[in-house]
C-alpha atoms as a PDB file:
ATOM      1  CA  MET A   1     168.142 155.121 139.603  1.00  0.00           C
ATOM      2  CA  GLU A   2     164.898 153.997 140.410  1.00  0.00           C
ATOM      3  CA  GLU A   3     162.993 151.928 136.991  1.00  0.00           C
ATOM      4  CA  THR A   4     159.382 151.322 136.828  1.00  0.00           C
ATOM      5  CA  GLY A   5     160.106 148.588 134.318  1.00  0.00           C
ATOM      6  CA  GLY A   6     162.216 145.662 133.562  1.00  0.00           C
ATOM      7  CA  ALA A   7     164.578 143.627 135.549  1.00  0.00           C
ATOM      8  CA  THR A   8     165.933 145.770 137.786  1.00  0.00           C
ATOM      9  CA  ALA A   9     168.171 144.957 141.330  1.00  0.00           C
ATOM     10  CA  TYR A  10     168.847 147.887 144.560  1.00  0.00           C
ATOM     11  CA  GLY A  11     166.597 150.601 142.832  1.00  0.00           C
ATOM     12  CA  ALA A  12     168.126 150.228 139.327  1.00  0.00           C
ATOM     13  CA  SER A  13     167.406 148.691 135.537  1.00  0.00           C
ATOM     14  CA  LEU A  14     169.717 145.289 134.824  1.00  0.00           C
ATOM     15  CA  ALA A  15     173.146 146.354 132.683  1.00  0.00           C
ATOM     16  CA  GLY A  16     172.235 146.379 128.820  1.00  0.00           C
ATOM     17  CA  GLY A  17     170.102 149.882 128.600  1.00  0.00           C
ATOM     18  CA  GLY A  18     171.362 152.465 127.585  1.00  0.00           C
ATOM     19  CA  PHE A  19     171.924 156.212 130.408  1.00  0.00           C
ATOM     20  CA  ASP A  20     169.002 158.649 129.649  1.00  0.00           C
ATOM     21  CA  VAL A  21     170.014 161.838 130.686  1.00  0.00           C
ATOM     22  CA  ASN A  22     166.750 163.443 131.235  1.00  0.00           C
ATOM     23  CA  LYS A  23     165.178 160.355 133.235  1.00  0.00           C
ATOM     24  CA  PHE A  24     167.645 160.653 135.763  1.00  0.00           C
ATOM     25  CA  VAL A  25     168.722 164.249 135.793  1.00  0.00           C
ATOM     26  CA  ARG A  26     165.437 164.246 137.242  1.00  0.00           C
ATOM     27  CA  GLN A  27     165.538 161.709 139.673  1.00  0.00           C
ATOM     28  CA  PRO A  28     164.585 162.875 143.064  1.00  0.00           C
ATOM     29  CA  GLN A  29     167.218 161.020 144.799  1.00  0.00           C
ATOM     30  CA  THR A  30     170.026 162.768 141.811  1.00  0.00           C
ATOM     31  CA  ILE A  31     168.389 166.314 143.051  1.00  0.00           C
ATOM     32  CA  VAL A  32     168.895 166.315 146.665  1.00  0.00           C
ATOM     33  CA  ARG A  33     172.377 164.951 146.528  1.00  0.00           C
ATOM     34  CA  PHE A  34     172.891 168.506 144.134  1.00  0.00           C
ATOM     35  CA  LEU A  35     171.044 170.333 147.077  1.00  0.00           C
ATOM     36  CA  SER A  36     174.207 168.536 149.159  1.00  0.00           C
ATOM     37  CA  TRP A  37     177.051 170.123 146.836  1.00  0.00           C
ATOM     38  CA  ILE A  38     175.881 173.058 147.611  1.00  0.00           C
ATOM     39  CA  PHE A  39     175.120 173.494 150.568  1.00  0.00           C
ATOM     40  CA  ALA A  40     178.729 172.029 151.363  1.00  0.00           C
ATOM     41  CA  LEU A  41     180.002 174.326 148.807  1.00  0.00           C
ATOM     42  CA  VAL A  42     177.886 177.320 150.870  1.00  0.00           C
ATOM     43  CA  VAL A  43     179.629 175.717 154.280  1.00  0.00           C
ATOM     44  CA  PHE A  44     183.402 175.407 153.189  1.00  0.00           C
ATOM     45  CA  ALA A  45     183.190 178.817 150.636  1.00  0.00           C
ATOM     46  CA  SER A  46     182.129 181.181 153.524  1.00  0.00           C
ATOM     47  CA  ILE A  47     184.507 179.859 156.227  1.00  0.00           C
ATOM     48  CA  THR A  48     187.307 180.028 153.856  1.00  0.00           C
ATOM     49  CA  THR A  49     186.853 183.599 153.022  1.00  0.00           C
ATOM     50  CA  GLU A  50     184.837 185.873 155.151  1.00  0.00           C
ATOM     51  CA  GLY A  51     186.142 182.806 158.236  1.00  0.00           C
ATOM     52  CA  TYR A  52     188.766 184.430 159.543  1.00  0.00           C
ATOM     53  CA  ILE A  53     189.720 188.419 160.773  1.00  0.00           C
ATOM     54  CA  ASN A  54     192.264 190.233 162.729  1.00  0.00           C
ATOM     55  CA  SER A  55     191.300 191.830 165.712  1.00  0.00           C
ATOM     56  CA  PRO A  56     192.902 195.342 166.677  1.00  0.00           C
ATOM     57  CA  HIS A  57     195.009 194.069 169.145  1.00  0.00           C
ATOM     58  CA  ASP A  58     196.081 190.788 167.131  1.00  0.00           C
ATOM     59  CA  PRO A  59     197.233 190.241 164.539  1.00  0.00           C
ATOM     60  CA  ASN A  60     196.620 186.507 164.347  1.00  0.00           C
ATOM     61  CA  ALA A  61     193.630 186.180 162.384  1.00  0.00           C
ATOM     62  CA  LYS A  62     191.057 184.083 164.215  1.00  0.00           C
ATOM     63  CA  CYS A  63     187.884 182.080 163.665  1.00  0.00           C
ATOM     64  CA  ILE A  64     184.600 184.954 163.379  1.00  0.00           C
ATOM     65  CA  PHE A  65     182.491 182.317 165.542  1.00  0.00           C
ATOM     66  CA  ASN A  66     183.937 183.156 169.192  1.00  0.00           C
ATOM     67  CA  GLN A  67     187.449 183.678 167.895  1.00  0.00           C
ATOM     68  CA  ASN A  68     186.978 179.541 167.899  1.00  0.00           C
ATOM     69  CA  ASP A  69     189.396 177.695 165.475  1.00  0.00           C
ATOM     70  CA  SER A  70     188.496 174.205 166.011  1.00  0.00           C
ATOM     71  CA  ALA A  71     184.519 175.275 165.259  1.00  0.00           C
ATOM     72  CA  CYS A  72     185.766 176.469 161.038  1.00  0.00           C
ATOM     73  CA  HIS A  73     188.435 174.067 161.179  1.00  0.00           C
ATOM     74  CA  TYR A  74     185.981 171.762 162.323  1.00  0.00           C
ATOM     75  CA  ALA A  75     182.631 173.006 159.583  1.00  0.00           C
ATOM     76  CA  ILE A  76     185.042 173.557 156.690  1.00  0.00           C
ATOM     77  CA  GLY A  77     186.753 169.889 156.774  1.00  0.00           C
ATOM     78  CA  ILE A  78     183.271 168.557 156.867  1.00  0.00           C
ATOM     79  CA  GLY A  79     182.008 171.334 154.113  1.00  0.00           C
ATOM     80  CA  VAL A  80     184.640 169.777 151.306  1.00  0.00           C
ATOM     81  CA  ILE A  81     184.518 166.621 152.542  1.00  0.00           C
ATOM     82  CA  ALA A  82     180.450 166.043 151.951  1.00  0.00           C
ATOM     83  CA  PHE A  83     181.257 168.684 148.200  1.00  0.00           C
ATOM     84  CA  LEU A  84     184.131 165.171 146.980  1.00  0.00           C
ATOM     85  CA  ALA A  85     181.589 163.483 148.439  1.00  0.00           C
ATOM     86  CA  CYS A  86     178.730 164.318 146.394  1.00  0.00           C
ATOM     87  CA  VAL A  87     180.362 164.339 143.103  1.00  0.00           C
ATOM     88  CA  GLY A  88     181.516 160.688 143.882  1.00  0.00           C
ATOM     89  CA  PHE A  89     178.298 159.543 145.016  1.00  0.00           C
ATOM     90  CA  LEU A  90     176.675 161.142 141.245  1.00  0.00           C
ATOM     91  CA  VAL A  91     179.509 159.397 139.494  1.00  0.00           C
ATOM     92  CA  LEU A  92     178.409 156.187 140.996  1.00  0.00           C
ATOM     93  CA  ASP A  93     174.726 156.778 141.123  1.00  0.00           C
ATOM     94  CA  VAL A  94     175.426 157.153 136.524  1.00  0.00           C
ATOM     95  CA  TYR A  95     177.999 153.908 136.895  1.00  0.00           C
ATOM     96  CA  VAL A  96     175.763 151.712 139.170  1.00  0.00           C
ATOM     97  CA  PRO A  97     172.915 150.652 135.522  1.00  0.00           C
ATOM     98  CA  TYR A  98     176.420 149.212 134.363  1.00  0.00           C
ATOM     99  CA  MET A  99     176.864 147.023 137.345  1.00  0.00           C
ATOM    100  CA  SER A 100     175.835 143.571 136.503  1.00  0.00           C
ATOM    101  CA  ASN A 101     176.590 141.687 139.392  1.00  0.00           C
ATOM    102  CA  ALA A 102     174.003 142.503 142.478  1.00  0.00           C
ATOM    103  CA  GLN A 103     176.531 141.886 144.273  1.00  0.00           C
ATOM    104  CA  GLU A 104     178.749 144.340 143.566  1.00  0.00           C
ATOM    105  CA  ARG A 105     174.778 146.717 143.710  1.00  0.00           C
ATOM    106  CA  LYS A 106     174.742 145.635 147.319  1.00  0.00           C
ATOM    107  CA  TYR A 107     178.286 147.455 148.439  1.00  0.00           C
ATOM    108  CA  ALA A 108     177.816 150.718 146.296  1.00  0.00           C
ATOM    109  CA  VAL A 109     174.538 151.043 147.798  1.00  0.00           C
ATOM    110  CA  MET A 110     175.963 150.215 151.585  1.00  0.00           C
ATOM    111  CA  ALA A 111     178.606 152.455 151.475  1.00  0.00           C
ATOM    112  CA  ASP A 112     175.627 155.505 150.565  1.00  0.00           C
ATOM    113  CA  LEU A 113     174.059 154.022 153.006  1.00  0.00           C
ATOM    114  CA  GLY A 114     176.075 153.914 155.274  1.00  0.00           C
ATOM    115  CA  PHE A 115     178.378 157.585 154.580  1.00  0.00           C
ATOM    116  CA  SER A 116     174.997 159.720 153.837  1.00  0.00           C
ATOM    117  CA  GLY A 117     174.086 158.064 157.652  1.00  0.00           C
ATOM    118  CA  ALA A 118     177.362 159.102 159.180  1.00  0.00           C
ATOM    119  CA  TRP A 119     177.080 162.430 158.001  1.00  0.00           C
ATOM    120  CA  THR A 120     173.901 163.174 158.853  1.00  0.00           C
ATOM    121  CA  PHE A 121     174.202 162.543 161.850  1.00  0.00           C
ATOM    122  CA  LEU A 122     178.416 164.857 161.397  1.00  0.00           C
ATOM    123  CA  TRP A 123     175.815 167.888 160.645  1.00  0.00           C
ATOM    124  CA  PHE A 124     173.944 167.826 162.806  1.00  0.00           C
ATOM    125  CA  VAL A 125     177.298 168.144 165.058  1.00  0.00           C
ATOM    126  CA  CYS A 126     178.463 170.784 162.484  1.00  0.00           C
ATOM    127  CA  PHE A 127     175.436 172.728 162.601  1.00  0.00           C
ATOM    128  CA  CYS A 128     174.639 172.640 166.974  1.00  0.00           C
ATOM    129  CA  LEU A 129     178.484 173.857 167.145  1.00  0.00           C
ATOM    130  CA  LEU A 130     178.233 176.575 164.465  1.00  0.00           C
ATOM    131  CA  ALA A 131     175.047 177.866 166.525  1.00  0.00           C
ATOM    132  CA  SER A 132     176.458 177.591 170.266  1.00  0.00           C
ATOM    133  CA  GLN A 133     180.225 179.384 169.095  1.00  0.00           C
ATOM    134  CA  TRP A 134     177.833 182.247 167.735  1.00  0.00           C
ATOM    135  CA  GLY A 135     175.980 183.140 169.729  1.00  0.00           C
ATOM    136  CA  LYS A 136     178.922 183.040 172.024  1.00  0.00           C
ATOM    137  CA  THR A 137     180.065 186.179 170.286  1.00  0.00           C
ATOM    138  CA  HIS A 138     179.292 189.375 171.535  1.00  0.00           C
ATOM    139  CA  GLU A 139     182.280 191.437 169.529  1.00  0.00           C
ATOM    140  CA  ILE A 140     180.753 191.175 166.179  1.00  0.00           C
ATOM    141  CA  GLY A 141     182.518 194.145 164.798  1.00  0.00           C
ATOM    142  CA  GLY A 142     184.009 194.149 161.379  1.00  0.00           C
ATOM    143  CA  VAL A 143     182.616 190.492 161.755  1.00  0.00           C
ATOM    144  CA  PRO A 144     180.843 189.439 157.286  1.00  0.00           C
ATOM    145  CA  VAL A 145     177.283 188.289 159.646  1.00  0.00           C
ATOM    146  CA  ASP A 146     175.884 187.696 156.652  1.00  0.00           C
ATOM    147  CA  ALA A 147     178.358 184.678 155.844  1.00  0.00           C
ATOM    148  CA  ALA A 148     178.335 183.479 159.841  1.00  0.00           C
ATOM    149  CA  ARG A 149     174.590 183.522 159.094  1.00  0.00           C
ATOM    150  CA  ALA A 150     175.009 181.457 156.268  1.00  0.00           C
ATOM    151  CA  THR A 151     177.466 179.283 157.569  1.00  0.00           C
ATOM    152  CA  VAL A 152     175.217 178.339 159.784  1.00  0.00           C
ATOM    153  CA  ALA A 153     171.884 178.749 157.628  1.00  0.00           C
ATOM    154  CA  PHE A 154     173.673 175.448 155.412  1.00  0.00           C
ATOM    155  CA  SER A 155     174.594 173.327 158.060  1.00  0.00           C
ATOM    156  CA  PHE A 156     171.382 173.098 158.776  1.00  0.00           C
ATOM    157  CA  PHE A 157     169.711 172.398 155.517  1.00  0.00           C
ATOM    158  CA  SER A 158     172.515 170.026 154.666  1.00  0.00           C
ATOM    159  CA  ILE A 159     170.864 167.820 157.961  1.00  0.00           C
ATOM    160  CA  ALA A 160     168.070 167.844 156.166  1.00  0.00           C
ATOM    161  CA  THR A 161     169.184 167.195 152.521  1.00  0.00           C
ATOM    162  CA  TRP A 162     171.764 164.356 153.790  1.00  0.00           C
ATOM    163  CA  GLY A 163     168.465 162.624 156.226  1.00  0.00           C
ATOM    164  CA  ILE A 164     166.042 162.554 152.995  1.00  0.00           C
ATOM    165  CA  LEU A 165     169.824 160.741 151.376  1.00  0.00           C
ATOM    166  CA  THR A 166     169.941 158.390 153.524  1.00  0.00           C
ATOM    167  CA  TYR A 167     165.965 157.084 153.639  1.00  0.00           C
ATOM    168  CA  PHE A 168     166.485 157.085 149.294  1.00  0.00           C
ATOM    169  CA  ALA A 169     169.440 154.800 150.064  1.00  0.00           C
ATOM    170  CA  LEU A 170     167.387 152.418 152.919  1.00  0.00           C
ATOM    171  CA  GLY A 171     165.159 151.796 150.611  1.00  0.00           C
ATOM    172  CA  ARG A 172     167.401 150.618 147.698  1.00  0.00           C
ATOM    173  CA  PHE A 173     168.532 148.417 150.108  1.00  0.00           C
ATOM    174  CA  ARG A 174     165.483 147.104 151.238  1.00  0.00           C
ATOM    175  CA  ARG A 175     164.389 146.085 147.983  1.00  0.00           C
ATOM    176  CA  GLY A 176     167.968 144.019 147.642  1.00  0.00           C
ATOM    177  CA  VAL A 177     168.342 141.631 145.690  1.00  0.00           C
ATOM    178  CA  ASN A 178     163.965 140.952 145.705  1.00  0.00           C
ATOM    179  CA  GLU A 179     163.223 143.860 143.110  1.00  0.00           C
ATOM    180  CA  VAL A 180     165.395 141.185 141.109  1.00  0.00           C
ATOM    181  CA  THR A 181     162.774 140.976 138.273  1.00  0.00           C
ATOM    182  CA  ILE A 182     164.872 137.739 135.938  1.00  0.00           C
ATOM    183  CA  PRO A 183     161.836 135.116 135.320  1.00  0.00           C
ATOM    184  CA  THR A 184     163.137 131.593 136.757  1.00  0.00           C
ATOM    185  CA  TYR A 185     161.684 128.650 135.875  1.00  0.00           C
ATOM    186  CA  THR A 186     159.947 126.631 138.265  1.00  0.00           C
ATOM    187  CA  GLU A 187     158.439 123.226 138.631  1.00  0.00           C
ATOM    188  CA  PRO A 188     155.520 122.660 138.205  1.00  0.00           C
ATOM    189  CA  THR A 189     153.152 121.212 140.237  1.00  0.00           C
ATOM    190  CA  PRO A 190     151.274 118.294 139.790  1.00  0.00           C
ATOM    191  CA  ASP A 191     147.433 118.227 139.970  1.00  0.00           C
ATOM    192  CA  LEU A 192     146.445 114.941 140.639  1.00  0.00           C
ATOM    193  CA  HIS A 193     142.585 115.540 139.260  1.00  0.00           C
ATOM    194  CA  THR A 194     143.580 116.512 135.745  1.00  0.00           C
ATOM    195  CA  PRO A 195     142.710 114.217 133.204  1.00  0.00           C
ATOM    196  CA  TYR A 196     145.455 112.673 130.990  1.00  0.00           C
ATOM    197  CA  PRO A 197     146.647 114.867 127.522  1.00  0.00           C
ATOM    198  CA  PRO A 198     144.469 112.443 125.007  1.00  0.00           C
ATOM    199  CA  THR A 199     147.624 111.287 123.361  1.00  0.00           C
ATOM    200  CA  TYR A 200     148.919 109.282 126.246  1.00  0.00           C
ATOM    201  CA  ALA A 201     145.968 108.716 127.323  1.00  0.00           C
ATOM    202  CA  PRO A 202     145.966 104.625 128.656  1.00  0.00           C
ATOM    203  CA  THR A 203     143.991 102.531 126.970  1.00  0.00           C
ATOM    204  CA  SER A 204     141.496 100.226 129.013  1.00  0.00           C
ATOM    205  CA  TYR A 205     142.087  96.528 129.903  1.00  0.00           C
ATOM    206  CA  THR A 206     139.681  94.414 130.995  1.00  0.00           C
ATOM    207  CA  PRO A 207     141.282  91.098 132.531  1.00  0.00           C
ATOM    208  CA  THR A 208     139.788  87.837 131.573  1.00  0.00           C
ATOM    209  CA  THR A 209     139.229  84.948 133.953  1.00  0.00           C
ATOM    210  CA  TYR A 210     140.379  81.554 133.455  1.00  0.00           C
ATOM    211  CA  ASN A 211     138.640  78.568 133.720  1.00  0.00           C
ATOM    212  CA  PRO A 212     140.946  75.642 134.000  1.00  0.00           C
ATOM    213  CA  THR A 213     139.864  72.367 132.503  1.00  0.00           C
ATOM    214  CA  THR A 214     138.802  69.555 133.680  1.00  0.00           C
ATOM    215  CA  TYR A 215     140.481  66.176 133.359  1.00  0.00           C
ATOM    216  CA  THR A 216     138.370  62.806 134.209  1.00  0.00           C
ATOM    217  CA  PRO A 217     140.764  60.860 133.554  1.00  0.00           C
ATOM    218  CA  THR A 218     138.548  57.698 130.868  1.00  0.00           C
ATOM    219  CA  THR A 219     138.703  53.938 132.717  1.00  0.00           C
ATOM    220  CA  TYR A 220     140.215  50.938 129.963  1.00  0.00           C
ATOM    221  CA  THR A 221     136.735  49.143 129.043  1.00  0.00           C
ATOM    222  CA  GLY A 222     138.524  46.598 126.692  1.00  0.00           C
ATOM    223  CA  TYR A 223     135.002  44.529 126.281  1.00  0.00           C
ATOM    224  CA  PRO A 224     132.171  45.108 127.428  1.00  0.00           C
ATOM    225  CA  GLY A 225     131.262  44.634 131.357  1.00  0.00           C
ATOM    226  CA  SER A 226     134.401  43.963 132.260  1.00  0.00           C
ATOM    227  CA  VAL A 227     136.254  45.251 135.384  1.00  0.00           C
ATOM    228  CA  PRO A 228     139.054  47.591 134.561  1.00  0.00           C
ATOM    229  CA  ASP A 229     142.201  46.253 135.603  1.00  0.00           C
ATOM    230  CA  MET A 230     143.920  47.969 138.939  1.00  0.00           C
ATOM    231  CA  HIS A 231     147.490  46.896 139.525  1.00  0.00           C
ATOM    232  CA  PRO A 232     149.739  48.290 136.593  1.00  0.00           C
ATOM    233  CA  GLN A 233     151.438  46.431 134.905  1.00  0.00           C
ATOM    234  CA  PRO A 234     155.495  45.389 134.560  1.00  0.00           C
ATOM    235  CA  PRO A 235     157.333  47.374 132.934  1.00  0.00           C
ATOM    236  CA  PHE A 236     158.845  45.311 129.441  1.00  0.00           C
ATOM    237  CA  THR A 237     161.381  43.191 129.226  1.00  0.00           C
ATOM    238  CA  PRO A 238     162.756  41.059 126.932  1.00  0.00           C
ATOM    239  CA  GLN A 239     162.502  37.460 126.168  1.00  0.00           C
ATOM    240  CA  PRO A 240     164.897  35.095 127.826  1.00  0.00           C
ATOM    241  CA  GLN A 241     166.541  32.910 125.639  1.00  0.00           C
ATOM    242  CA  PRO A 242     166.348  29.294 127.059  1.00  0.00           C
ATOM    243  CA  GLN A 243     168.938  27.989 128.750  1.00  0.00           C
ATOM    244  CA  GLY A 244     169.927  24.943 126.895  1.00  0.00           C
ATOM    245  CA  ASP A 245     172.946  24.999 124.585  1.00  0.00           C
ATOM    246  CA  ILE A 246     174.271  28.177 124.971  1.00  0.00           C
ATOM    247  CA  GLY A 247     178.504  27.985 123.777  1.00  0.00           C
ATOM    248  CA  TYR A 248     178.810  29.487 120.171  1.00  0.00           C
ATOM    249  CA  GLN A 249     178.696  27.235 116.842  1.00  0.00           C
ATOM    250  CA  PRO A 250     180.522  29.279 114.351  1.00  0.00           C
ATOM    251  CA  PRO A 251     178.816  28.167 111.094  1.00  0.00           C
ATOM    252  CA  ASN A 252     179.823  25.949 108.839  1.00  0.00           C
ATOM    253  CA  TYR A 253     181.284  27.095 105.301  1.00  0.00           C
END
C-alpha cells in the first residue's frame, strides 16, 4: 500500500497501523490489479465456453482460432494463472503492511515485480498468437465471432494492465529501504567555534612568576677589622688522655 506519511518501507507503512479498507480499494495498484483479474477471467472463460466448435466433417471439437488447439490451450493457461495470481497478490498487498521485517517486504515486492514483468511479456505473446491465428481463420460459419474478438481484445488489454503493475512494483522496489523513516541517533558534529556552556566554562588561569631569592653568604668578622679565616676548621677531637699511669686503680674502701 502506498502511504504518504509516517514510517514506511517498500511503499507500505510499518507494522502497527490499522488496515483501511477504503484507502486500499482506492489505490491505483489495487484498481489495476482488479482489472487484470477481470481481463484474465474474460479470456479463459470465453475460450472454455465458446472457444471450441465441431466442424461438419470432424466430430472432434477444434479451437476457433484457425483450429489451432495450441493457441486455445496457451490462452487458457495464461488466463487461469493470471486470474489466480491477481487474487494472491491482492491478499499479499493486504498482508504487506503487517510485515515488521523490511527484508520480507523486499521479497514480496520482488515477487510482484518478477511475476508482473513475466506476465506482461506472456500476454504480449498470447495476443500476437491469437491475433495471428484469428487472421488466418477463413471458415467462420458457426464460429462465435464475438467470443473470439473479445478474447483477442482482452489479451491486448492485459498487456497494458500487467505493464502498469510492473511499473508500480518497480517503483516500490527502487524506493526500498531508503523509504524507511525511522529516526536514528547520530553523533552531532562538534562546533569548534561554539563557546563553552556557562556551567562548564573553564576558570581563567594566570601564571605567577617565581623570583628566586639570592643567597649572600655573610662573613664572620669576629673583631672589627679582623680578616676572615679562609681555612676550614678541623672536626672536633676529644682530649687525649695523659700518657702517664694508664693502669686501673681500684678504689679503696
